[in-house]
Amino acid sequence: MSMTLRPVALMSAALLLAACSSLHGIAPAGAEDEASWQRHHMELAALGDWNFSGRVGFADGKDSGSGSLDWAQKAGVTTLDFHAPLGAGAVHMEGDASALHVTTSRGDDFVTTDPEDDLGARLHQPMPVLSLRYWMLGIPDPSVEFTKSSAGGELKSLDQRGWHVEYQEYAQVQGQLLPVKLSLERDAVHIKVAVSDWSLPAAAP
């Protein structure tokens, strides 16, 4: 997704991400509580519609980059937009677990049923979009086995599909604790996400 936006230093990306969140985040703390985590997991898994805006930074040992990230989830349909600074590049994705349509500002236009591999091959940035749809809520992808550590009802870390996810901060959003700072690592690939705005459906009266 970074489309080889080079060369932006990882430290610069980290500083950019550190400064961007307008939500008051707190680190997950407390003893592991499986019952609380299961309850929180069920509540978040039931959310069909949500969206967030924030920043994302990438590095893979060769290239690095950062930019804005806007994600809208409507039931199973994902709409994602990434924009690099100063018009350096943009990516738009839309689709569901069966297929994603990807277009970029440099003229790429393709449909993928394996976005992680195709984004790595075509855009030089493997991005686990289908699992990230769950990880952004602070829950595991239900289709794949996982290991985790938690604090109270929130994940501290998650290992799934070869990725290690660390949750640095959560914030209260409409009665739910949602991640606002997290990092993903797999081999040499490092991805950092900082959320500046979360939006959930209004509670039923």
C-alpha atoms as a PDB file:
ATOM      1  CA  MET A   1       0.000   0.000   0.000  1.00  0.00           C
ATOM      2  CA  SER A   2       2.937   2.301   0.468  1.00  0.00           C
ATOM      3  CA  MET A   3       3.598   2.017  -3.271  1.00  0.00           C
ATOM      4  CA  THR A   4       7.342   2.248  -2.553  1.00  0.00           C
ATOM      5  CA  LEU A   5       7.061   5.774  -1.159  1.00  0.00           C
ATOM      6  CA  ARG A   6      10.767   6.262  -0.679  1.00  0.00           C
ATOM      7  CA  PRO A   7      12.691   7.176   1.231  1.00  0.00           C
ATOM      8  CA  VAL A   8      10.772   8.318   4.316  1.00  0.00           C
ATOM      9  CA  ALA A   9      12.635   7.427   7.494  1.00  0.00           C
ATOM     10  CA  LEU A  10      10.855   5.101   9.888  1.00  0.00           C
ATOM     11  CA  MET A  11      11.641   7.480  12.762  1.00  0.00           C
ATOM     12  CA  SER A  12       9.893  10.306  10.894  1.00  0.00           C
ATOM     13  CA  ALA A  13       6.889   8.086  10.317  1.00  0.00           C
ATOM     14  CA  ALA A  14       6.833   7.137  13.994  1.00  0.00           C
ATOM     15  CA  LEU A  15       6.971  10.779  15.067  1.00  0.00           C
ATOM     16  CA  LEU A  16       4.177  11.615  12.629  1.00  0.00           C
ATOM     17  CA  LEU A  17       2.037   8.829  14.024  1.00  0.00           C
ATOM     18  CA  ALA A  18       2.780   9.797  17.615  1.00  0.00           C
ATOM     19  CA  ALA A  19       1.479  13.307  17.053  1.00  0.00           C
ATOM     20  CA  CYS A  20      -1.700  12.613  15.160  1.00  0.00           C
ATOM     21  CA  SER A  21      -4.259  11.042  17.477  1.00  0.00           C
ATOM     22  CA  SER A  22      -6.946  13.314  18.909  1.00  0.00           C
ATOM     23  CA  LEU A  23      -8.323  10.490  21.073  1.00  0.00           C
ATOM     24  CA  HIS A  24      -7.088  10.080  24.638  1.00  0.00           C
ATOM     25  CA  GLY A  25      -5.389   6.697  24.570  1.00  0.00           C
ATOM     26  CA  ILE A  26      -4.447   4.534  27.531  1.00  0.00           C
ATOM     27  CA  ALA A  27      -2.204   1.477  27.565  1.00  0.00           C
ATOM     28  CA  PRO A  28      -3.913  -1.862  28.259  1.00  0.00           C
ATOM     29  CA  ALA A  29      -3.336  -2.763  31.902  1.00  0.00           C
ATOM     30  CA  GLY A  30      -4.499  -5.230  34.500  1.00  0.00           C
ATOM     31  CA  ALA A  31      -4.475  -8.961  34.988  1.00  0.00           C
ATOM     32  CA  GLU A  32      -5.521 -11.272  32.180  1.00  0.00           C
ATOM     33  CA  ASP A  33      -9.248 -11.957  32.526  1.00  0.00           C
ATOM     34  CA  GLU A  34     -10.535 -14.515  30.038  1.00  0.00           C
ATOM     35  CA  ALA A  35     -14.211 -13.968  30.888  1.00  0.00           C
ATOM     36  CA  SER A  36     -13.922 -10.202  30.369  1.00  0.00           C
ATOM     37  CA  TRP A  37     -12.031 -10.701  27.124  1.00  0.00           C
ATOM     38  CA  GLN A  38     -14.613 -13.153  25.779  1.00  0.00           C
ATOM     39  CA  ARG A  39     -17.416 -10.715  26.619  1.00  0.00           C
ATOM     40  CA  HIS A  40     -15.589  -7.790  25.007  1.00  0.00           C
ATOM     41  CA  HIS A  41     -14.715  -9.953  21.992  1.00  0.00           C
ATOM     42  CA  MET A  42     -18.383 -10.884  21.431  1.00  0.00           C
ATOM     43  CA  GLU A  43     -19.504  -7.248  21.642  1.00  0.00           C
ATOM     44  CA  LEU A  44     -16.914  -6.089  19.097  1.00  0.00           C
ATOM     45  CA  ALA A  45     -17.455  -9.043  16.759  1.00  0.00           C
ATOM     46  CA  ALA A  46     -21.126  -8.051  16.564  1.00  0.00           C
ATOM     47  CA  LEU A  47     -20.271  -4.602  15.180  1.00  0.00           C
ATOM     48  CA  GLY A  48     -21.189  -4.579  11.490  1.00  0.00           C
ATOM     49  CA  ASP A  49     -20.661  -0.927  10.585  1.00  0.00           C
ATOM     50  CA  TRP A  50     -17.792   1.274  11.714  1.00  0.00           C
ATOM     51  CA  ASN A  51     -15.188   3.631  10.357  1.00  0.00           C
ATOM     52  CA  PHE A  52     -11.988   5.308  11.414  1.00  0.00           C
ATOM     53  CA  SER A  53      -9.476   7.850  10.176  1.00  0.00           C
ATOM     54  CA  GLY A  54      -5.826   7.998  11.088  1.00  0.00           C
ATOM     55  CA  ARG A  55      -2.251   7.603   9.938  1.00  0.00           C
ATOM     56  CA  VAL A  56      -0.214   4.593   8.899  1.00  0.00           C
ATOM     57  CA  GLY A  57       3.539   4.123   8.549  1.00  0.00           C
ATOM     58  CA  PHE A  58       5.344   1.305   6.727  1.00  0.00           C
ATOM     59  CA  ALA A  59       8.905  -0.014   6.584  1.00  0.00           C
ATOM     60  CA  ASP A  60      10.338  -3.239   5.192  1.00  0.00           C
ATOM     61  CA  GLY A  61      14.086  -2.715   5.490  1.00  0.00           C
ATOM     62  CA  LYS A  62      14.319  -1.335   1.949  1.00  0.00           C
ATOM     63  CA  ASP A  63      11.484   1.153   1.571  1.00  0.00           C
ATOM     64  CA  SER A  64       9.369   3.132   4.003  1.00  0.00           C
ATOM     65  CA  GLY A  65       6.476   5.528   3.858  1.00  0.00           C
ATOM     66  CA  SER A  66       3.535   7.015   5.694  1.00  0.00           C
ATOM     67  CA  GLY A  67       0.205   8.640   4.961  1.00  0.00           C
ATOM     68  CA  SER A  68      -3.424   9.007   5.921  1.00  0.00           C
ATOM     69  CA  LEU A  69      -5.740   6.030   6.201  1.00  0.00           C
ATOM     70  CA  ASP A  70      -9.546   6.149   6.027  1.00  0.00           C
ATOM     71  CA  TRP A  71     -11.430   2.896   6.546  1.00  0.00           C
ATOM     72  CA  ALA A  72     -15.199   2.354   6.322  1.00  0.00           C
ATOM     73  CA  GLN A  73     -16.743  -1.028   7.126  1.00  0.00           C
ATOM     74  CA  LYS A  74     -20.352  -1.738   6.143  1.00  0.00           C
ATOM     75  CA  ALA A  75     -21.154  -5.278   7.235  1.00  0.00           C
ATOM     76  CA  GLY A  76     -18.791  -7.381   5.103  1.00  0.00           C
ATOM     77  CA  VAL A  77     -17.849  -4.617   2.663  1.00  0.00           C
ATOM     78  CA  THR A  78     -14.576  -2.777   3.185  1.00  0.00           C
ATOM     79  CA  THR A  79     -13.757   0.633   1.693  1.00  0.00           C
ATOM     80  CA  LEU A  80     -10.207   1.801   2.337  1.00  0.00           C
ATOM     81  CA  ASP A  81      -8.323   4.897   1.164  1.00  0.00           C
ATOM     82  CA  PHE A  82      -4.631   5.601   1.669  1.00  0.00           C
ATOM     83  CA  HIS A  83      -3.056   8.947   0.715  1.00  0.00           C
ATOM     84  CA  ALA A  84       0.665   9.686   0.933  1.00  0.00           C
ATOM     85  CA  PRO A  85       1.874  13.204   1.785  1.00  0.00           C
ATOM     86  CA  LEU A  86       2.305  15.838  -0.914  1.00  0.00           C
ATOM     87  CA  GLY A  87       0.449  13.849  -3.538  1.00  0.00           C
ATOM     88  CA  ALA A  88       3.093  11.090  -3.561  1.00  0.00           C
ATOM     89  CA  GLY A  89       0.511   8.359  -4.101  1.00  0.00           C
ATOM     90  CA  ALA A  90      -2.937   7.052  -3.277  1.00  0.00           C
ATOM     91  CA  VAL A  91      -4.630   3.658  -3.032  1.00  0.00           C
ATOM     92  CA  HIS A  92      -8.349   2.880  -3.000  1.00  0.00           C
ATOM     93  CA  MET A  93      -9.728  -0.563  -2.126  1.00  0.00           C
ATOM     94  CA  GLU A  94     -13.310  -1.746  -2.027  1.00  0.00           C
ATOM     95  CA  GLY A  95     -14.819  -5.199  -1.684  1.00  0.00           C
ATOM     96  CA  ASP A  96     -15.409  -8.091   0.671  1.00  0.00           C
ATOM     97  CA  ALA A  97     -13.665 -11.281   1.756  1.00  0.00           C
ATOM     98  CA  SER A  98     -14.249 -12.859  -1.663  1.00  0.00           C
ATOM     99  CA  ALA A  99     -12.553 -10.117  -3.722  1.00  0.00           C
ATOM    100  CA  LEU A 100     -11.156  -6.595  -3.410  1.00  0.00           C
ATOM    101  CA  HIS A 101     -10.992  -4.052  -6.249  1.00  0.00           C
ATOM    102  CA  VAL A 102      -7.782  -2.032  -5.969  1.00  0.00           C
ATOM    103  CA  THR A 103      -6.953   1.180  -7.830  1.00  0.00           C
ATOM    104  CA  THR A 104      -3.974   3.501  -7.370  1.00  0.00           C
ATOM    105  CA  SER A 105      -3.004   6.979  -8.463  1.00  0.00           C
ATOM    106  CA  ARG A 106      -0.233   5.545 -10.615  1.00  0.00           C
ATOM    107  CA  GLY A 107      -2.710   3.594 -12.744  1.00  0.00           C
ATOM    108  CA  ASP A 108      -2.901   0.161 -11.121  1.00  0.00           C
ATOM    109  CA  ASP A 109      -6.380  -1.343 -11.435  1.00  0.00           C
ATOM    110  CA  PHE A 110      -6.927  -4.954 -10.422  1.00  0.00           C
ATOM    111  CA  VAL A 111      -9.179  -7.319  -8.500  1.00  0.00           C
ATOM    112  CA  THR A 112      -7.574  -9.579  -5.933  1.00  0.00           C
ATOM    113  CA  THR A 113      -8.767 -12.605  -3.990  1.00  0.00           C
ATOM    114  CA  ASP A 114      -5.468 -12.664  -2.069  1.00  0.00           C
ATOM    115  CA  PRO A 115      -4.814  -9.015  -1.172  1.00  0.00           C
ATOM    116  CA  GLU A 116      -1.838  -9.617   1.093  1.00  0.00           C
ATOM    117  CA  ASP A 117       0.218 -11.404  -1.578  1.00  0.00           C
ATOM    118  CA  ASP A 118      -0.984  -9.192  -4.430  1.00  0.00           C
ATOM    119  CA  LEU A 119      -0.324  -5.951  -2.552  1.00  0.00           C
ATOM    120  CA  GLY A 120       3.146  -7.227  -1.761  1.00  0.00           C
ATOM    121  CA  ALA A 121       3.853  -8.221  -5.363  1.00  0.00           C
ATOM    122  CA  ARG A 122       2.261  -5.216  -7.093  1.00  0.00           C
ATOM    123  CA  LEU A 123       2.695  -2.396  -4.579  1.00  0.00           C
ATOM    124  CA  HIS A 124       5.708  -3.707  -2.633  1.00  0.00           C
ATOM    125  CA  GLN A 125       3.808  -3.703   0.635  1.00  0.00           C
ATOM    126  CA  PRO A 126       2.077  -6.819   1.992  1.00  0.00           C
ATOM    127  CA  MET A 127      -0.986  -5.593   3.856  1.00  0.00           C
ATOM    128  CA  PRO A 128      -3.198  -8.132   5.666  1.00  0.00           C
ATOM    129  CA  VAL A 129      -6.388  -6.246   4.789  1.00  0.00           C
ATOM    130  CA  LEU A 130      -8.848  -9.086   5.385  1.00  0.00           C
ATOM    131  CA  SER A 131      -7.514  -9.825   8.879  1.00  0.00           C
ATOM    132  CA  LEU A 132      -6.841  -6.172   9.658  1.00  0.00           C
ATOM    133  CA  ARG A 133     -10.597  -5.630   9.405  1.00  0.00           C
ATOM    134  CA  TYR A 134     -10.782  -7.553  12.728  1.00  0.00           C
ATOM    135  CA  TRP A 135      -7.442  -6.570  14.248  1.00  0.00           C
ATOM    136  CA  MET A 136      -8.386  -2.898  14.090  1.00  0.00           C
ATOM    137  CA  LEU A 137     -11.260  -3.644  16.475  1.00  0.00           C
ATOM    138  CA  GLY A 138      -8.916  -5.451  18.863  1.00  0.00           C
ATOM    139  CA  ILE A 139     -10.160  -8.960  18.052  1.00  0.00           C
ATOM    140  CA  PRO A 140      -8.670 -11.895  16.116  1.00  0.00           C
ATOM    141  CA  ASP A 141      -9.696 -12.913  12.614  1.00  0.00           C
ATOM    142  CA  PRO A 142     -12.298 -15.656  13.256  1.00  0.00           C
ATOM    143  CA  SER A 143     -11.137 -17.718  10.270  1.00  0.00           C
ATOM    144  CA  VAL A 144      -7.616 -18.490  11.536  1.00  0.00           C
ATOM    145  CA  GLU A 145      -6.075 -19.887  14.711  1.00  0.00           C
ATOM    146  CA  PHE A 146      -4.329 -17.401  16.996  1.00  0.00           C
ATOM    147  CA  THR A 147      -2.463 -16.883  20.233  1.00  0.00           C
ATOM    148  CA  LYS A 148      -2.900 -13.808  22.405  1.00  0.00           C
ATOM    149  CA  SER A 149      -2.109 -12.010  25.611  1.00  0.00           C
ATOM    150  CA  SER A 150      -4.637  -9.681  27.189  1.00  0.00           C
ATOM    151  CA  ALA A 151      -5.105  -7.214  30.019  1.00  0.00           C
ATOM    152  CA  GLY A 152      -8.596  -7.291  31.462  1.00  0.00           C
ATOM    153  CA  GLY A 153     -10.884  -7.402  28.446  1.00  0.00           C
ATOM    154  CA  GLU A 154      -8.442  -5.968  25.890  1.00  0.00           C
ATOM    155  CA  LEU A 155      -5.749  -7.551  23.778  1.00  0.00           C
ATOM    156  CA  LYS A 156      -2.144  -6.624  24.507  1.00  0.00           C
ATOM    157  CA  SER A 157      -0.746  -8.730  21.674  1.00  0.00           C
ATOM    158  CA  LEU A 158      -1.966 -11.105  18.999  1.00  0.00           C
ATOM    159  CA  ASP A 159      -0.141 -13.624  16.798  1.00  0.00           C
ATOM    160  CA  GLN A 160      -2.029 -14.740  13.731  1.00  0.00           C
ATOM    161  CA  ARG A 161      -1.264 -15.591  10.091  1.00  0.00           C
ATOM    162  CA  GLY A 162       2.432 -15.016  10.686  1.00  0.00           C
ATOM    163  CA  TRP A 163       1.872 -11.455  11.948  1.00  0.00           C
ATOM    164  CA  HIS A 164       2.593 -10.182  15.446  1.00  0.00           C
ATOM    165  CA  VAL A 165       0.242  -7.381  16.506  1.00  0.00           C
ATOM    166  CA  GLU A 166       0.979  -5.179  19.518  1.00  0.00           C
ATOM    167  CA  TYR A 167      -1.728  -2.947  20.990  1.00  0.00           C
ATOM    168  CA  GLN A 168      -0.166   0.120  22.601  1.00  0.00           C
ATOM    169  CA  GLU A 169      -3.235   2.234  23.398  1.00  0.00           C
ATOM    170  CA  TYR A 170      -7.024   2.050  23.565  1.00  0.00           C
ATOM    171  CA  ALA A 171      -9.609   4.828  23.863  1.00  0.00           C
ATOM    172  CA  GLN A 172     -13.246   4.984  24.903  1.00  0.00           C
ATOM    173  CA  VAL A 173     -15.487   5.333  21.847  1.00  0.00           C
ATOM    174  CA  GLN A 174     -19.249   5.338  22.325  1.00  0.00           C
ATOM    175  CA  GLY A 175     -19.015   2.954  25.255  1.00  0.00           C
ATOM    176  CA  GLN A 176     -16.399   0.636  23.727  1.00  0.00           C
ATOM    177  CA  LEU A 177     -12.642   0.485  24.251  1.00  0.00           C
ATOM    178  CA  LEU A 178     -11.097   0.501  20.775  1.00  0.00           C
ATOM    179  CA  PRO A 179      -7.454   0.484  19.655  1.00  0.00           C
ATOM    180  CA  VAL A 180      -5.938   3.848  18.766  1.00  0.00           C
ATOM    181  CA  LYS A 181      -2.269   2.834  18.502  1.00  0.00           C
ATOM    182  CA  LEU A 182      -1.037  -0.531  17.294  1.00  0.00           C
ATOM    183  CA  SER A 183       1.859  -2.049  15.394  1.00  0.00           C
ATOM    184  CA  LEU A 184       2.137  -5.069  13.103  1.00  0.00           C
ATOM    185  CA  GLU A 185       5.283  -7.038  12.309  1.00  0.00           C
ATOM    186  CA  ARG A 186       6.080  -9.948  10.041  1.00  0.00           C
ATOM    187  CA  ASP A 187       9.676 -10.706   9.111  1.00  0.00           C
ATOM    188  CA  ALA A 188      11.173  -7.368   7.966  1.00  0.00           C
ATOM    189  CA  VAL A 189       7.799  -5.662   7.502  1.00  0.00           C
ATOM    190  CA  HIS A 190       6.748  -3.143  10.175  1.00  0.00           C
ATOM    191  CA  ILE A 191       3.408  -1.300  10.082  1.00  0.00           C
ATOM    192  CA  LYS A 192       2.261   1.291  12.621  1.00  0.00           C
ATOM    193  CA  VAL A 193      -1.302   2.615  12.819  1.00  0.00           C
ATOM    194  CA  ALA A 194      -2.542   5.592  14.859  1.00  0.00           C
ATOM    195  CA  VAL A 195      -6.270   6.335  14.843  1.00  0.00           C
ATOM    196  CA  SER A 196      -7.399   9.940  15.210  1.00  0.00           C
ATOM    197  CA  ASP A 197     -11.149   9.348  14.930  1.00  0.00           C
ATOM    198  CA  TRP A 198     -13.408   6.315  15.456  1.00  0.00           C
ATOM    199  CA  SER A 199     -17.105   6.184  14.605  1.00  0.00           C
ATOM    200  CA  LEU A 200     -19.563   3.451  15.575  1.00  0.00           C
ATOM    201  CA  PRO A 201     -23.282   3.128  14.828  1.00  0.00           C
ATOM    202  CA  ALA A 202     -25.540   5.007  17.214  1.00  0.00           C
ATOM    203  CA  ALA A 203     -27.020   2.799  19.911  1.00  0.00           C
ATOM    204  CA  ALA A 204     -30.631   1.761  19.389  1.00  0.00           C
ATOM    205  CA  PRO A 205     -33.080   3.841  21.476  1.00  0.00           C
END
